[in-house]
Amino acid sequence: MRASTETVRMLTDYYAAMEANSPAEFSSYYAEDMTLTFGNSPEIRGRNDITAAFSAKLDQVASLGHDLVNVWEEEGGIVFFESVGRWTLRGGEVLEIKASSKITILNGKFVDQRIYVDNAPVDDALKRETVRRTA
């Protein structure tokens, strides 16, 4: 079923904190023992390690915004959604990348997040930007 207004607001606020690159704010959504998996990458466990992983990537760009496309919610705090990530690089280039995610929310905290996305175009653009800066 479609997600509740409360759940959509929570995701919107979370992604606003991420776009502002505010680790203290976006990590406040994470349970202490949260798990995060990006596609086939190894699982990351724990609020501190997940925050560090996201911060390392966000520090490479001017911003990363998210537009929620469709959001569904099931029993047990399971939320599925489609989004478009809007990566703004420091040089001004903007890339839009589609993603699908599953988050489990219990007691107002993310306990598990799984993100299915191909960020290769972002990685390629960051490499090009680095080459331009060092040339």
N, C-alpha and C. Protein backbone atom coordinates (compact mmCIF):
# COMPACT_ATOMS: atom_id res chain seq x y z
N MET A 1 0.83 -1.17 0.00
CA MET A 1 0.00 0.00 0.00
C MET A 1 0.88 1.24 0.00
N ARG A 2 0.31 2.34 -0.44
CA ARG A 2 1.05 3.60 -0.43
C ARG A 2 1.49 3.94 0.99
N ALA A 3 2.64 4.57 1.10
CA ALA A 3 3.17 4.92 2.41
C ALA A 3 2.35 6.05 3.04
N SER A 4 2.36 6.09 4.34
CA SER A 4 1.67 7.14 5.08
C SER A 4 2.36 8.48 4.86
N THR A 5 1.62 9.54 5.09
CA THR A 5 2.18 10.89 4.99
C THR A 5 3.35 11.04 5.96
N GLU A 6 3.21 10.46 7.15
CA GLU A 6 4.27 10.53 8.16
C GLU A 6 5.56 9.88 7.66
N THR A 7 5.46 8.73 7.03
CA THR A 7 6.64 8.04 6.51
C THR A 7 7.29 8.83 5.39
N VAL A 8 6.49 9.35 4.47
CA VAL A 8 7.04 10.16 3.37
C VAL A 8 7.72 11.40 3.93
N ARG A 9 7.13 12.03 4.93
CA ARG A 9 7.74 13.22 5.54
C ARG A 9 9.08 12.85 6.19
N MET A 10 9.11 11.70 6.87
CA MET A 10 10.35 11.25 7.51
C MET A 10 11.46 11.07 6.46
N LEU A 11 11.14 10.40 5.36
CA LEU A 11 12.13 10.20 4.29
C LEU A 11 12.56 11.52 3.68
N THR A 12 11.60 12.42 3.47
CA THR A 12 11.91 13.73 2.89
C THR A 12 12.85 14.51 3.81
N ASP A 13 12.56 14.50 5.11
CA ASP A 13 13.42 15.20 6.07
C ASP A 13 14.81 14.55 6.14
N TYR A 14 14.85 13.24 6.09
CA TYR A 14 16.13 12.53 6.11
C TYR A 14 16.98 12.93 4.90
N TYR A 15 16.38 12.92 3.73
CA TYR A 15 17.14 13.26 2.53
C TYR A 15 17.50 14.74 2.47
N ALA A 16 16.71 15.60 3.10
CA ALA A 16 17.09 17.02 3.20
C ALA A 16 18.35 17.16 4.05
N ALA A 17 18.45 16.40 5.13
CA ALA A 17 19.65 16.42 5.97
C ALA A 17 20.85 15.90 5.20
N MET A 18 20.62 14.88 4.37
CA MET A 18 21.70 14.35 3.56
C MET A 18 22.14 15.39 2.51
N GLU A 19 21.17 16.05 1.88
CA GLU A 19 21.51 17.07 0.88
C GLU A 19 22.30 18.21 1.51
N ALA A 20 21.99 18.55 2.76
CA ALA A 20 22.73 19.60 3.47
C ALA A 20 24.08 19.10 3.99
N ASN A 21 24.37 17.81 3.78
CA ASN A 21 25.58 17.16 4.28
C ASN A 21 25.76 17.44 5.78
N SER A 22 24.71 17.11 6.51
CA SER A 22 24.69 17.28 7.96
C SER A 22 24.71 15.90 8.63
N PRO A 23 25.92 15.34 8.83
CA PRO A 23 26.01 13.99 9.40
C PRO A 23 25.30 13.84 10.74
N ALA A 24 25.39 14.85 11.60
CA ALA A 24 24.72 14.74 12.90
C ALA A 24 23.22 14.60 12.71
N GLU A 25 22.68 15.31 11.72
CA GLU A 25 21.24 15.25 11.49
C GLU A 25 20.83 13.97 10.78
N PHE A 26 21.52 13.61 9.65
CA PHE A 26 21.05 12.41 8.94
C PHE A 26 21.31 11.14 9.74
N SER A 27 22.36 11.11 10.55
CA SER A 27 22.63 9.90 11.34
C SER A 27 21.65 9.75 12.51
N SER A 28 20.94 10.81 12.85
CA SER A 28 19.96 10.72 13.94
C SER A 28 18.80 9.80 13.58
N TYR A 29 18.65 9.47 12.29
CA TYR A 29 17.61 8.55 11.84
C TYR A 29 18.03 7.09 12.01
N TYR A 30 19.32 6.83 12.27
CA TYR A 30 19.85 5.47 12.30
C TYR A 30 19.80 4.87 13.70
N ALA A 31 19.37 3.61 13.78
CA ALA A 31 19.52 2.86 15.02
C ALA A 31 21.01 2.60 15.24
N GLU A 32 21.40 2.45 16.48
CA GLU A 32 22.81 2.23 16.81
C GLU A 32 23.39 1.04 16.05
N ASP A 33 22.61 -0.03 15.89
CA ASP A 33 23.09 -1.25 15.23
C ASP A 33 22.54 -1.41 13.81
N MET A 34 22.21 -0.32 13.17
CA MET A 34 21.67 -0.36 11.81
C MET A 34 22.62 -1.08 10.85
N THR A 35 22.05 -1.68 9.81
CA THR A 35 22.84 -2.27 8.74
C THR A 35 22.51 -1.56 7.43
N LEU A 36 23.51 -1.45 6.56
CA LEU A 36 23.36 -0.79 5.26
C LEU A 36 24.03 -1.66 4.21
N THR A 37 23.33 -1.90 3.11
CA THR A 37 23.91 -2.65 2.00
C THR A 37 23.63 -1.91 0.70
N PHE A 38 24.69 -1.63 -0.05
CA PHE A 38 24.58 -1.06 -1.40
C PHE A 38 24.74 -2.21 -2.38
N GLY A 39 23.66 -2.60 -3.05
CA GLY A 39 23.73 -3.65 -4.07
C GLY A 39 24.53 -4.85 -3.61
N ASN A 40 25.60 -5.16 -4.34
CA ASN A 40 26.43 -6.33 -4.03
C ASN A 40 27.61 -6.03 -3.11
N SER A 41 27.69 -4.81 -2.61
CA SER A 41 28.79 -4.45 -1.72
C SER A 41 28.61 -5.09 -0.35
N PRO A 42 29.69 -5.23 0.39
CA PRO A 42 29.58 -5.81 1.73
C PRO A 42 28.69 -4.95 2.64
N GLU A 43 28.03 -5.61 3.55
CA GLU A 43 27.17 -4.91 4.51
C GLU A 43 28.01 -4.03 5.43
N ILE A 44 27.49 -2.85 5.74
CA ILE A 44 28.10 -1.95 6.72
C ILE A 44 27.20 -2.01 7.95
N ARG A 45 27.80 -2.13 9.12
CA ARG A 45 27.01 -2.28 10.35
C ARG A 45 27.38 -1.19 11.35
N GLY A 46 26.37 -0.56 11.91
CA GLY A 46 26.56 0.41 12.99
C GLY A 46 26.44 1.84 12.50
N ARG A 47 25.79 2.66 13.34
CA ARG A 47 25.55 4.07 13.00
C ARG A 47 26.84 4.80 12.62
N ASN A 48 27.90 4.63 13.40
CA ASN A 48 29.13 5.38 13.14
C ASN A 48 29.75 5.01 11.80
N ASP A 49 29.82 3.73 11.48
CA ASP A 49 30.42 3.30 10.21
C ASP A 49 29.57 3.71 9.02
N ILE A 50 28.25 3.65 9.18
CA ILE A 50 27.36 4.06 8.09
C ILE A 50 27.47 5.56 7.86
N THR A 51 27.50 6.32 8.94
CA THR A 51 27.65 7.78 8.82
C THR A 51 28.97 8.12 8.14
N ALA A 52 30.04 7.44 8.51
CA ALA A 52 31.35 7.68 7.90
C ALA A 52 31.33 7.35 6.41
N ALA A 53 30.66 6.26 6.04
CA ALA A 53 30.59 5.87 4.62
C ALA A 53 29.84 6.91 3.80
N PHE A 54 28.68 7.34 4.30
CA PHE A 54 27.92 8.36 3.57
C PHE A 54 28.70 9.68 3.53
N SER A 55 29.29 10.07 4.64
CA SER A 55 30.03 11.34 4.69
C SER A 55 31.20 11.36 3.73
N ALA A 56 31.90 10.24 3.61
CA ALA A 56 33.04 10.17 2.69
C ALA A 56 32.60 10.47 1.26
N LYS A 57 31.45 9.95 0.86
CA LYS A 57 30.95 10.18 -0.50
C LYS A 57 30.41 11.60 -0.63
N LEU A 58 29.64 12.05 0.35
CA LEU A 58 29.05 13.39 0.28
C LEU A 58 30.12 14.48 0.28
N ASP A 59 31.24 14.24 0.93
CA ASP A 59 32.32 15.23 0.96
C ASP A 59 32.99 15.41 -0.40
N GLN A 60 32.74 14.50 -1.34
CA GLN A 60 33.32 14.60 -2.69
C GLN A 60 32.49 15.46 -3.63
N VAL A 61 31.26 15.81 -3.23
CA VAL A 61 30.35 16.52 -4.13
C VAL A 61 29.81 17.78 -3.45
N ALA A 62 29.22 18.66 -4.27
CA ALA A 62 28.58 19.85 -3.70
C ALA A 62 27.32 19.46 -2.94
N SER A 63 26.53 18.56 -3.51
CA SER A 63 25.33 18.09 -2.81
C SER A 63 24.77 16.83 -3.48
N LEU A 64 23.93 16.14 -2.72
CA LEU A 64 23.18 15.00 -3.22
C LEU A 64 21.75 15.13 -2.73
N GLY A 65 20.86 15.50 -3.64
CA GLY A 65 19.44 15.59 -3.31
C GLY A 65 18.72 14.35 -3.78
N HIS A 66 17.56 14.10 -3.21
CA HIS A 66 16.75 12.94 -3.60
C HIS A 66 15.31 13.38 -3.84
N ASP A 67 14.76 12.97 -4.95
CA ASP A 67 13.34 13.16 -5.20
C ASP A 67 12.68 11.79 -5.09
N LEU A 68 11.72 11.68 -4.18
CA LEU A 68 10.98 10.43 -4.03
C LEU A 68 9.99 10.31 -5.18
N VAL A 69 9.95 9.17 -5.84
CA VAL A 69 9.05 8.95 -6.97
C VAL A 69 7.81 8.18 -6.50
N ASN A 70 8.00 7.02 -5.93
CA ASN A 70 6.93 6.20 -5.38
C ASN A 70 7.40 5.63 -4.05
N VAL A 71 6.50 5.60 -3.07
CA VAL A 71 6.84 5.07 -1.75
C VAL A 71 5.72 4.14 -1.30
N TRP A 72 6.12 2.92 -0.91
CA TRP A 72 5.16 1.92 -0.42
C TRP A 72 5.58 1.49 0.97
N GLU A 73 4.59 1.16 1.78
CA GLU A 73 4.85 0.77 3.16
C GLU A 73 4.10 -0.53 3.47
N GLU A 74 4.78 -1.43 4.14
CA GLU A 74 4.19 -2.72 4.52
C GLU A 74 4.23 -2.85 6.05
N GLU A 75 3.60 -3.88 6.55
CA GLU A 75 3.64 -4.13 7.99
C GLU A 75 5.08 -4.38 8.43
N GLY A 76 5.33 -4.13 9.69
CA GLY A 76 6.65 -4.38 10.24
C GLY A 76 7.66 -3.28 9.94
N GLY A 77 7.18 -2.11 9.51
CA GLY A 77 8.07 -0.98 9.26
C GLY A 77 8.86 -1.07 7.97
N ILE A 78 8.44 -1.93 7.05
CA ILE A 78 9.17 -2.10 5.80
C ILE A 78 8.67 -1.08 4.78
N VAL A 79 9.60 -0.30 4.24
CA VAL A 79 9.29 0.76 3.29
C VAL A 79 10.12 0.53 2.03
N PHE A 80 9.44 0.48 0.89
CA PHE A 80 10.11 0.39 -0.41
C PHE A 80 9.89 1.71 -1.13
N PHE A 81 10.92 2.18 -1.85
CA PHE A 81 10.69 3.39 -2.63
C PHE A 81 11.64 3.49 -3.81
N GLU A 82 11.16 4.24 -4.79
CA GLU A 82 11.96 4.63 -5.95
C GLU A 82 12.33 6.09 -5.74
N SER A 83 13.53 6.43 -6.17
CA SER A 83 13.96 7.82 -6.05
C SER A 83 14.87 8.18 -7.21
N VAL A 84 15.06 9.48 -7.36
CA VAL A 84 16.05 10.00 -8.29
C VAL A 84 17.05 10.79 -7.46
N GLY A 85 18.31 10.34 -7.48
CA GLY A 85 19.37 11.06 -6.79
C GLY A 85 19.92 12.12 -7.73
N ARG A 86 20.00 13.34 -7.22
CA ARG A 86 20.50 14.47 -8.01
C ARG A 86 21.86 14.87 -7.44
N TRP A 87 22.91 14.37 -8.08
CA TRP A 87 24.28 14.62 -7.66
C TRP A 87 24.76 15.93 -8.30
N THR A 88 25.12 16.90 -7.50
CA THR A 88 25.69 18.14 -8.00
C THR A 88 27.18 18.12 -7.66
N LEU A 89 28.00 18.09 -8.69
CA LEU A 89 29.45 18.03 -8.47
C LEU A 89 29.99 19.42 -8.18
N ARG A 90 31.18 19.48 -7.65
CA ARG A 90 31.77 20.78 -7.29
C ARG A 90 31.97 21.69 -8.50
N GLY A 91 32.18 21.09 -9.67
CA GLY A 91 32.34 21.88 -10.89
C GLY A 91 31.03 22.33 -11.51
N GLY A 92 29.90 21.95 -10.91
CA GLY A 92 28.60 22.38 -11.39
C GLY A 92 27.83 21.34 -12.19
N GLU A 93 28.49 20.27 -12.62
CA GLU A 93 27.78 19.23 -13.36
C GLU A 93 26.74 18.56 -12.47
N VAL A 94 25.56 18.29 -13.04
CA VAL A 94 24.48 17.63 -12.30
C VAL A 94 24.15 16.32 -12.98
N LEU A 95 24.12 15.24 -12.21
CA LEU A 95 23.75 13.92 -12.74
C LEU A 95 22.54 13.43 -11.97
N GLU A 96 21.57 12.87 -12.69
CA GLU A 96 20.40 12.28 -12.05
C GLU A 96 20.47 10.77 -12.21
N ILE A 97 20.40 10.07 -11.09
CA ILE A 97 20.56 8.62 -11.05
C ILE A 97 19.33 8.00 -10.37
N LYS A 98 18.70 7.05 -11.04
CA LYS A 98 17.53 6.37 -10.47
C LYS A 98 18.00 5.29 -9.50
N ALA A 99 17.21 5.10 -8.44
CA ALA A 99 17.53 4.08 -7.44
C ALA A 99 16.25 3.49 -6.87
N SER A 100 16.38 2.32 -6.30
CA SER A 100 15.31 1.69 -5.53
C SER A 100 15.90 1.31 -4.18
N SER A 101 15.10 1.48 -3.14
CA SER A 101 15.60 1.22 -1.79
C SER A 101 14.54 0.54 -0.95
N LYS A 102 15.03 -0.18 0.05
CA LYS A 102 14.17 -0.78 1.07
C LYS A 102 14.75 -0.37 2.41
N ILE A 103 13.91 0.22 3.23
CA ILE A 103 14.33 0.60 4.58
C ILE A 103 13.36 -0.05 5.56
N THR A 104 13.90 -0.58 6.64
CA THR A 104 13.07 -1.07 7.72
C THR A 104 13.17 -0.06 8.86
N ILE A 105 12.02 0.45 9.28
CA ILE A 105 11.96 1.48 10.32
C ILE A 105 11.23 0.89 11.53
N LEU A 106 11.91 0.88 12.67
CA LEU A 106 11.31 0.41 13.92
C LEU A 106 11.53 1.47 14.99
N ASN A 107 10.48 1.80 15.70
CA ASN A 107 10.55 2.81 16.76
C ASN A 107 11.16 4.12 16.27
N GLY A 108 10.81 4.50 15.03
CA GLY A 108 11.26 5.78 14.48
C GLY A 108 12.70 5.80 14.00
N LYS A 109 13.37 4.66 13.95
CA LYS A 109 14.77 4.60 13.51
C LYS A 109 14.93 3.60 12.38
N PHE A 110 15.88 3.89 11.47
CA PHE A 110 16.22 2.94 10.41
C PHE A 110 17.04 1.82 11.04
N VAL A 111 16.59 0.59 10.88
CA VAL A 111 17.37 -0.54 11.40
C VAL A 111 18.08 -1.29 10.27
N ASP A 112 17.59 -1.11 9.04
CA ASP A 112 18.22 -1.74 7.88
C ASP A 112 17.90 -0.90 6.65
N GLN A 113 18.88 -0.69 5.80
CA GLN A 113 18.68 0.03 4.54
C GLN A 113 19.41 -0.72 3.45
N ARG A 114 18.70 -0.96 2.35
CA ARG A 114 19.30 -1.63 1.19
C ARG A 114 19.04 -0.74 -0.01
N ILE A 115 20.12 -0.37 -0.69
CA ILE A 115 20.03 0.57 -1.80
C ILE A 115 20.50 -0.13 -3.07
N TYR A 116 19.65 -0.07 -4.09
CA TYR A 116 19.96 -0.68 -5.38
C TYR A 116 20.11 0.44 -6.39
N VAL A 117 21.36 0.70 -6.78
CA VAL A 117 21.66 1.84 -7.65
C VAL A 117 22.97 1.56 -8.39
N ASP A 118 23.08 2.14 -9.56
CA ASP A 118 24.34 2.09 -10.31
C ASP A 118 24.93 3.49 -10.31
N ASN A 119 25.87 3.73 -9.41
CA ASN A 119 26.51 5.04 -9.30
C ASN A 119 27.75 5.17 -10.18
N ALA A 120 27.97 4.24 -11.11
CA ALA A 120 29.15 4.32 -11.98
C ALA A 120 29.23 5.65 -12.72
N PRO A 121 28.12 6.22 -13.22
CA PRO A 121 28.23 7.52 -13.89
C PRO A 121 28.74 8.62 -12.95
N VAL A 122 28.38 8.55 -11.69
CA VAL A 122 28.86 9.54 -10.72
C VAL A 122 30.36 9.34 -10.50
N ASP A 123 30.78 8.10 -10.31
CA ASP A 123 32.21 7.82 -10.11
C ASP A 123 33.03 8.28 -11.31
N ASP A 124 32.52 8.04 -12.52
CA ASP A 124 33.23 8.48 -13.74
C ASP A 124 33.32 10.00 -13.79
N ALA A 125 32.24 10.67 -13.45
CA ALA A 125 32.24 12.14 -13.47
C ALA A 125 33.20 12.71 -12.43
N LEU A 126 33.26 12.08 -11.26
CA LEU A 126 34.20 12.53 -10.23
C LEU A 126 35.64 12.35 -10.69
N LYS A 127 35.93 11.25 -11.39
CA LYS A 127 37.28 11.05 -11.93
C LYS A 127 37.62 12.12 -12.95
N ARG A 128 36.66 12.43 -13.85
CA ARG A 128 36.90 13.48 -14.85
C ARG A 128 37.15 14.82 -14.16
N GLU A 129 36.39 15.10 -13.14
CA GLU A 129 36.53 16.36 -12.41
C GLU A 129 37.90 16.44 -11.75
N THR A 130 38.37 15.34 -11.19
CA THR A 130 39.69 15.30 -10.57
C THR A 130 40.78 15.55 -11.60
N VAL A 131 40.66 14.94 -12.78
CA VAL A 131 41.64 15.13 -13.85
C VAL A 131 41.68 16.60 -14.25
N ARG A 132 40.51 17.23 -14.39
CA ARG A 132 40.46 18.65 -14.78
C ARG A 132 41.13 19.53 -13.73
N ARG A 133 40.91 19.23 -12.45
CA ARG A 133 41.48 20.04 -11.37
C ARG A 133 43.00 19.92 -11.32
N THR A 134 43.51 18.73 -11.64
CA THR A 134 44.96 18.51 -11.53
C THR A 134 45.71 18.81 -12.82
N ALA A 135 44.97 19.11 -13.89
CA ALA A 135 45.63 19.38 -15.18
C ALA A 135 46.17 20.79 -15.23
